[in-house]
Amino acid sequence: MAKKVLAEFEYLSGDSVVTIWQTNEESIHQHDAYAERTATIAERID
């Protein structure tokens, strides 16, 4: 997903901040899993 962001918005400067959220909805457990990553384009969020 992060690689697609880098490819789609390649015109952004290196100091542009990108935040990616992901939710995994669990069918077996009674909770969901969440993840978040924030970085600048220069930090290569791959």
C-alpha atoms as a PDB file:
ATOM      1  CA  MET A   1       0.000   0.000   0.000  1.00  0.00           C
ATOM      2  CA  ALA A   2       2.758   2.456   0.908  1.00  0.00           C
ATOM      3  CA  LYS A   3       4.542   1.823  -2.378  1.00  0.00           C
ATOM      4  CA  LYS A   4       1.355   2.721  -4.244  1.00  0.00           C
ATOM      5  CA  VAL A   5       1.180   6.021  -2.355  1.00  0.00           C
ATOM      6  CA  LEU A   6       4.774   6.816  -3.307  1.00  0.00           C
ATOM      7  CA  ALA A   7       4.079   5.999  -6.954  1.00  0.00           C
ATOM      8  CA  GLU A   8       0.763   7.867  -7.125  1.00  0.00           C
ATOM      9  CA  PHE A   9       2.049  11.029  -5.463  1.00  0.00           C
ATOM     10  CA  GLU A  10       5.616  11.103  -6.749  1.00  0.00           C
ATOM     11  CA  TYR A  11       5.301  14.865  -7.315  1.00  0.00           C
ATOM     12  CA  LEU A  12       5.143  15.543  -3.547  1.00  0.00           C
ATOM     13  CA  SER A  13       8.211  17.000  -1.874  1.00  0.00           C
ATOM     14  CA  GLY A  14      10.301  14.916   0.510  1.00  0.00           C
ATOM     15  CA  ASP A  15       8.958  16.754   3.560  1.00  0.00           C
ATOM     16  CA  SER A  16       5.317  15.854   2.779  1.00  0.00           C
ATOM     17  CA  VAL A  17       3.795  13.778   5.583  1.00  0.00           C
ATOM     18  CA  VAL A  18       1.809  10.624   4.804  1.00  0.00           C
ATOM     19  CA  THR A  19      -0.268   8.684   7.331  1.00  0.00           C
ATOM     20  CA  ILE A  20      -1.556   5.195   6.571  1.00  0.00           C
ATOM     21  CA  TRP A  21      -4.156   3.394   8.685  1.00  0.00           C
ATOM     22  CA  GLN A  22      -5.120  -0.244   8.447  1.00  0.00           C
ATOM     23  CA  THR A  23      -7.848  -2.217  10.187  1.00  0.00           C
ATOM     24  CA  ASN A  24      -8.003  -5.998  10.192  1.00  0.00           C
ATOM     25  CA  GLU A  25     -11.488  -7.103  11.102  1.00  0.00           C
ATOM     26  CA  GLU A  26     -11.206 -10.345  13.034  1.00  0.00           C
ATOM     27  CA  SER A  27     -13.872 -12.967  12.460  1.00  0.00           C
ATOM     28  CA  ILE A  28     -12.651 -15.448  15.058  1.00  0.00           C
ATOM     29  CA  HIS A  29     -11.623 -13.096  17.888  1.00  0.00           C
ATOM     30  CA  GLN A  30     -13.729 -10.524  19.690  1.00  0.00           C
ATOM     31  CA  HIS A  31     -11.389  -7.681  18.760  1.00  0.00           C
ATOM     32  CA  ASP A  32     -10.007  -6.047  15.628  1.00  0.00           C
ATOM     33  CA  ALA A  33      -6.363  -5.230  14.931  1.00  0.00           C
ATOM     34  CA  TYR A  34      -5.305  -1.666  14.078  1.00  0.00           C
ATOM     35  CA  ALA A  35      -2.071  -0.278  12.683  1.00  0.00           C
ATOM     36  CA  GLU A  36      -0.912   3.224  11.855  1.00  0.00           C
ATOM     37  CA  ARG A  37       2.274   4.545  10.238  1.00  0.00           C
ATOM     38  CA  THR A  38       3.234   8.182   9.722  1.00  0.00           C
ATOM     39  CA  ALA A  39       6.344   9.270   7.843  1.00  0.00           C
ATOM     40  CA  THR A  40       7.596  11.825   5.356  1.00  0.00           C
ATOM     41  CA  ILE A  41       8.027  10.916   1.708  1.00  0.00           C
ATOM     42  CA  ALA A  42      11.800  11.218   2.220  1.00  0.00           C
ATOM     43  CA  GLU A  43      11.675   8.537   4.935  1.00  0.00           C
ATOM     44  CA  ARG A  44      10.366   6.021   2.353  1.00  0.00           C
ATOM     45  CA  ILE A  45       7.463   4.415   4.187  1.00  0.00           C
ATOM     46  CA  ASP A  46       7.718   1.116   2.308  1.00  0.00           C
END
